[in-house]
Protein backbone atom coordinates (compact mmCIF):
# COMPACT_ATOMS: atom_id res chain seq x y z
CA MET A 1 6.02 -26.60 22.48
CA SER A 2 2.64 -28.42 23.26
CA GLU A 3 1.00 -24.50 23.36
CA PHE A 4 2.19 -23.30 20.54
CA ILE A 5 1.31 -26.82 18.53
CA ASP A 6 -2.59 -26.34 19.52
CA ALA A 7 -2.20 -22.49 18.77
CA ALA A 8 -0.94 -23.00 15.39
CA LEU A 9 -4.05 -25.34 14.76
CA SER A 10 -6.45 -23.25 16.62
CA PHE A 11 -6.17 -19.65 15.86
CA GLU A 12 -6.20 -17.86 12.81
CA PHE A 13 -3.45 -15.33 14.04
CA MET A 14 -1.05 -18.28 13.96
CA GLN A 15 -1.79 -19.72 10.99
CA ASN A 16 -1.54 -16.23 9.17
CA ALA A 17 2.04 -16.19 11.01
CA LEU A 18 3.18 -19.49 9.40
CA LEU A 19 1.84 -18.83 6.28
CA ALA A 20 3.69 -15.18 6.71
CA GLY A 21 7.03 -17.05 7.50
CA LEU A 22 6.67 -19.50 4.61
CA LEU A 23 6.41 -16.64 2.38
CA ALA A 24 9.24 -14.71 3.74
CA ALA A 25 11.57 -17.69 3.89
CA LEU A 26 10.89 -18.10 0.08
CA ALA A 27 11.72 -14.56 -0.68
CA CYS A 28 14.62 -14.20 1.54
CA GLY A 29 16.33 -17.32 1.06
CA VAL A 30 16.23 -16.73 -3.01
CA ILE A 31 16.80 -13.33 -2.86
CA GLY A 32 19.56 -13.31 -0.17
CA THR A 33 20.91 -15.43 -1.70
CA TYR A 34 21.96 -12.70 -4.34
CA VAL A 35 22.88 -9.99 -1.65
CA VAL A 36 25.67 -12.63 0.14
CA VAL A 37 27.34 -13.61 -3.38
CA LYS A 38 27.23 -10.40 -4.60
CA LYS A 39 28.25 -9.03 -1.09
CA ILE A 40 25.67 -6.14 -1.25
CA GLY A 41 24.60 -6.20 2.39
CA TYR A 42 24.91 -2.67 3.00
CA ILE A 43 23.35 -1.41 0.08
CA THR A 44 20.25 -3.81 1.20
CA GLY A 45 20.56 -1.82 4.38
CA GLY A 46 20.01 1.54 2.70
CA ILE A 47 16.72 0.06 0.83
CA ALA A 48 15.36 -1.40 3.98
CA HIS A 49 15.55 1.77 6.44
CA SER A 50 14.54 4.31 3.57
CA VAL A 51 11.30 1.91 3.75
CA LEU A 52 10.12 4.22 6.68
CA GLY A 53 9.56 7.22 5.04
CA GLY A 54 7.13 6.01 2.78
CA MET A 55 5.44 3.39 5.51
CA GLY A 56 5.18 7.34 7.33
CA ILE A 57 3.58 8.73 4.37
CA ALA A 58 1.50 6.12 3.95
CA TYR A 59 0.06 5.55 7.16
CA PHE A 60 -0.01 9.37 7.94
CA LEU A 61 -2.68 9.56 4.38
CA ASN A 62 -4.42 6.74 5.75
CA TYR A 63 -2.75 4.27 3.16
CA SER A 64 -1.89 1.16 3.95
CA PRO A 65 2.06 1.28 5.15
CA LEU A 66 2.97 -1.99 3.54
CA HIS A 67 1.64 -0.16 -0.07
CA GLY A 68 3.71 3.04 1.17
CA ALA A 69 6.80 0.45 1.87
CA VAL A 70 6.43 -1.17 -1.72
CA VAL A 71 6.90 2.56 -3.45
CA ALA A 72 9.25 3.41 -1.12
CA ALA A 73 11.60 0.73 -1.20
CA LEU A 74 11.58 0.72 -5.09
CA VAL A 75 12.27 4.52 -5.44
CA ALA A 76 15.50 3.70 -3.05
CA ALA A 77 16.49 1.02 -5.31
CA VAL A 78 16.48 2.67 -8.20
CA ILE A 79 18.17 5.66 -6.65
CA ILE A 80 20.96 3.71 -5.14
CA GLY A 81 21.39 1.73 -8.32
CA LEU A 82 22.19 4.62 -10.03
CA VAL A 83 24.14 6.34 -7.57
CA SER A 84 26.38 2.95 -7.08
CA LEU A 85 26.30 2.26 -10.80
CA LYS A 86 27.66 6.38 -11.51
CA ALA A 87 29.46 7.65 -8.43
CA LYS A 88 31.21 5.17 -6.58
CA GLN A 89 33.72 7.07 -4.84
CA HIS A 90 30.35 8.97 -3.40
CA GLU A 91 28.63 5.71 -2.76
CA ASP A 92 28.40 5.19 1.35
CA THR A 93 28.11 8.81 1.60
CA ILE A 94 24.55 8.93 -0.18
CA ILE A 95 23.10 5.81 0.92
CA GLY A 96 24.06 6.47 4.51
CA ALA A 97 21.97 10.37 3.70
CA LEU A 98 18.94 7.81 2.17
CA TRP A 99 19.00 5.48 5.41
CA ALA A 100 18.55 8.64 7.73
CA THR A 101 16.74 10.62 5.72
CA GLY A 102 14.10 8.04 5.37
CA MET A 103 14.01 6.73 8.57
CA ALA A 104 13.64 10.46 9.61
CA ILE A 105 10.62 10.90 7.48
CA GLY A 106 9.05 8.22 8.14
CA ILE A 107 9.10 8.94 12.32
CA ILE A 108 8.13 12.69 11.93
CA PHE A 109 5.11 11.70 9.89
CA ILE A 110 4.14 8.36 11.85
CA SER A 111 4.77 10.86 15.11
CA ARG A 112 2.03 12.74 13.53
CA SER A 113 -0.73 10.25 13.33
CA PRO A 114 -2.81 8.97 16.03
CA GLY A 115 -1.61 5.24 18.06
CA TYR A 116 1.69 6.10 16.29
CA ASN A 117 3.93 4.49 19.38
CA VAL A 118 2.49 1.28 19.05
CA ASP A 119 3.12 1.29 14.85
CA LEU A 120 6.33 2.39 15.06
CA MET A 121 7.30 -0.14 17.11
CA SER A 122 5.70 -2.58 15.31
CA TYR A 123 7.47 -1.28 12.15
CA LEU A 124 10.94 -1.32 13.39
CA PHE A 125 11.11 -4.64 15.13
CA GLY A 126 8.05 -6.54 13.34
CA ASN A 127 5.43 -8.09 14.49
CA ILE A 128 4.28 -11.91 12.83
CA LEU A 129 1.78 -12.33 14.79
CA MET A 130 -0.31 -9.72 13.69
CA VAL A 131 -0.07 -10.41 9.98
CA SER A 132 -3.71 -10.10 8.59
CA LYS A 133 -5.09 -11.98 5.01
CA SER A 134 -4.84 -8.58 3.39
CA ASP A 135 -1.18 -8.73 4.20
CA LEU A 136 -0.72 -11.95 3.11
CA LEU A 137 -2.08 -11.43 0.09
CA ILE A 138 -0.07 -8.54 -0.80
CA ILE A 139 2.99 -10.42 0.46
CA ALA A 140 1.92 -13.68 -1.71
CA LEU A 141 1.83 -10.85 -4.53
CA LEU A 142 5.07 -10.02 -4.11
CA ASP A 143 6.49 -12.95 -4.13
CA VAL A 144 5.05 -14.72 -7.29
CA THR A 145 6.57 -11.26 -8.64
CA ILE A 146 10.27 -12.09 -7.34
CA ILE A 147 10.22 -16.10 -7.95
CA VAL A 148 9.26 -15.34 -12.07
CA LEU A 149 11.48 -12.90 -12.12
CA VAL A 150 14.56 -15.01 -10.50
CA VAL A 151 13.32 -18.01 -12.83
CA LEU A 152 12.98 -15.72 -16.25
CA LEU A 153 16.61 -13.83 -15.51
CA TYR A 154 18.39 -16.58 -13.49
CA LYS A 155 21.69 -17.01 -15.72
CA ARG A 156 21.09 -13.42 -16.57
CA PHE A 157 21.35 -12.25 -12.66
CA LEU A 158 24.02 -15.17 -12.61
CA ALA A 159 26.33 -13.26 -15.10
CA VAL A 160 25.71 -10.07 -13.19
CA CYS A 161 26.37 -11.58 -10.14
CA PHE A 162 29.92 -13.22 -10.81
CA ASP A 163 31.23 -11.62 -14.01
CA GLU A 164 30.08 -8.26 -14.66
CA GLU A 165 32.46 -7.41 -17.38
CA HIS A 166 32.10 -10.40 -19.20
CA ALA A 167 27.90 -10.28 -18.98
CA SER A 168 28.55 -6.37 -20.48
CA LEU A 169 31.22 -8.01 -23.00
CA LYS A 170 28.22 -10.82 -24.38
CA GLY A 171 25.70 -7.81 -24.99
CA LEU A 172 23.85 -8.02 -21.09
CA HIS A 173 22.33 -5.11 -19.76
CA VAL A 174 24.07 -5.04 -16.82
CA GLY A 175 22.97 -1.72 -15.12
CA ALA A 176 19.45 -2.65 -15.85
CA LEU A 177 19.95 -5.97 -14.50
CA TYR A 178 21.63 -4.64 -11.59
CA ILE A 179 18.86 -2.05 -10.83
CA LEU A 180 15.87 -4.86 -11.28
CA LEU A 181 18.08 -6.94 -9.07
CA LEU A 182 18.23 -4.15 -6.29
CA CYS A 183 13.87 -3.54 -7.08
CA LEU A 184 13.62 -7.46 -6.36
CA ILE A 185 15.73 -7.02 -3.01
CA ALA A 186 13.00 -3.97 -2.25
CA LEU A 187 10.42 -5.97 -2.49
CA THR A 188 11.94 -8.79 -0.24
CA VAL A 189 12.81 -6.16 2.35
CA VAL A 190 8.89 -5.57 2.15
CA ILE A 191 7.79 -8.96 3.20
CA LEU A 192 10.35 -9.50 5.93
CA ILE A 193 9.09 -5.57 7.56
CA GLN A 194 6.20 -7.90 8.47
CA VAL A 195 8.08 -10.77 9.98
CA VAL A 196 11.01 -9.09 11.73
CA GLY A 197 11.01 -5.14 11.28
CA LEU A 198 13.24 -2.89 9.35
CA ILE A 199 16.22 -3.18 12.31
CA LEU A 200 16.20 -7.12 11.40
CA VAL A 201 15.19 -7.63 8.31
CA ILE A 202 19.22 -7.65 6.85
CA ALA A 203 20.19 -10.13 9.36
CA LEU A 204 16.81 -12.39 7.92
CA ILE A 205 18.03 -11.61 4.38
CA THR A 206 21.41 -12.63 4.34
CA LEU A 207 22.10 -15.22 7.38
CA PRO A 208 20.06 -17.91 6.04
CA ALA A 209 21.82 -17.75 2.60
CA SER A 210 25.51 -17.80 4.62
CA ILE A 211 24.35 -20.58 6.38
CA ALA A 212 23.68 -22.13 3.09
CA GLY A 213 26.66 -21.14 1.37
CA HIS A 214 28.88 -23.27 3.88
CA TYR A 215 27.51 -26.44 2.47
CA THR A 216 27.29 -25.93 -1.45
CA ASN A 217 28.78 -24.25 -3.90
CA SER A 218 25.95 -24.30 -6.31
CA LEU A 219 24.07 -20.78 -6.72
CA LYS A 220 20.37 -23.15 -7.35
CA GLY A 221 21.40 -25.41 -4.47
CA MET A 222 22.31 -22.31 -1.84
CA MET A 223 19.26 -20.75 -2.86
CA GLY A 224 17.21 -23.93 -2.22
CA ALA A 225 18.84 -24.47 1.20
CA ALA A 226 18.19 -20.88 1.97
CA VAL A 227 14.52 -21.26 1.82
CA VAL A 228 14.82 -24.19 3.52
CA ILE A 229 17.08 -22.77 6.62
CA GLY A 230 14.67 -19.77 6.40
CA PHE A 231 11.48 -21.54 7.35
CA ILE A 232 12.86 -23.21 9.87
CA ILE A 233 14.19 -20.47 11.66
CA THR A 234 10.92 -18.56 11.18
CA ILE A 235 9.04 -21.32 12.48
CA GLY A 236 11.76 -22.34 15.17
CA GLY A 237 11.18 -18.28 16.57
CA LEU A 238 7.71 -18.46 16.42
CA ALA A 239 7.64 -21.53 18.94
CA VAL A 240 10.39 -20.41 21.10
CA SER A 241 8.75 -16.56 21.64
CA TYR A 242 5.25 -18.14 21.92
CA GLN A 243 5.33 -19.55 25.23
CA PRO A 244 7.27 -17.10 27.41
CA ASP A 245 5.52 -14.24 25.06
CA LEU A 246 8.78 -12.78 23.86
CA PRO A 247 9.12 -10.40 20.71
CA ALA A 248 8.67 -12.92 17.82
CA GLY A 249 11.13 -10.92 15.47
CA ALA A 250 13.88 -10.18 17.73
CA THR A 251 13.54 -14.29 18.80
CA ILE A 252 13.71 -15.12 14.71
CA VAL A 253 16.76 -13.14 14.44
CA LEU A 254 18.62 -14.50 17.89
CA LEU A 255 18.32 -18.40 16.45
CA ALA A 256 19.21 -17.30 13.11
CA GLY A 257 21.86 -15.55 14.58
CA LEU A 258 23.14 -18.79 16.55
CA LEU A 259 22.66 -20.99 13.73
CA TYR A 260 25.31 -19.14 12.04
CA LEU A 261 27.05 -19.38 14.68
CA LEU A 262 27.32 -22.84 14.75
CA SER A 263 27.39 -23.38 11.39
CA ILE A 264 30.79 -21.32 11.24
CA ILE A 265 32.17 -23.94 14.19
CA THR A 266 30.89 -26.91 12.54
CA LYS A 267 32.51 -25.97 8.88
CA LYS A 268 35.74 -25.13 11.02
CA LEU A 269 35.60 -28.43 12.77
CA LEU A 270 34.48 -30.47 9.64
CA SER A 271 38.12 -28.56 8.26
CA PHE A 272 39.92 -29.21 10.57
CA LEU A 273 38.77 -33.12 11.12
CA ARG A 274 39.90 -33.46 7.25
CA LYS A 275 43.38 -32.49 7.04
CA THR A 276 44.52 -34.49 10.43
CA HIS A 277 43.14 -37.40 8.62
């Protein structure tokens, strides 16, 4: 632990990683709460894995993969949102097709680019220790966009998540709000690619919010707790992985999974104790 603290105080790459972890926790805590409450983890997975296509094309054309990720994530969110609203009977099939096609396109384009092996692994599994200042700027801008829109549209998103029919009767544009929410999820996915990669992104979006949901019934409280839990998980994963040189992204998600399991056990134990008294 002391070596990790020394590195955090001394090295810019570690300071960038800690800041990326904080920004990621903020996004995944807020947006992950909506994903958990609305139970759309599978849609989030479809968006996440479609992103690799945009990253691969951008990398092949010598642009920043992060820029390609933003475009691909937003396009996938809109397509999946429209399919979800208009063709529910084919929803799973189309999401699966986008999932597979996006990854296939990404792998093909990245394979045609020099040095693709290392880059492909970092996209799939994340490399928070390689986050640059320019990456941090993009992540920060995405964070600001997400937070501003959630603050402005909080009550509308609340209505869409808990009672779409009532929201529609009140004159809210439920379809547009739903697609916008999916676009915010897409931006969160792009942020988390830098931290844990595409393969593990769903875990970091859903687990902190799921843990928070065990201890609060308030949506705002759940968001706040999920942000704190996400930051603890991210920093804890970095600290645990640093000395033995373990993959940081995988360690972060493993820690999240263990905390989720511990939370379930604690909740059941507390429930049992209350019933026995």
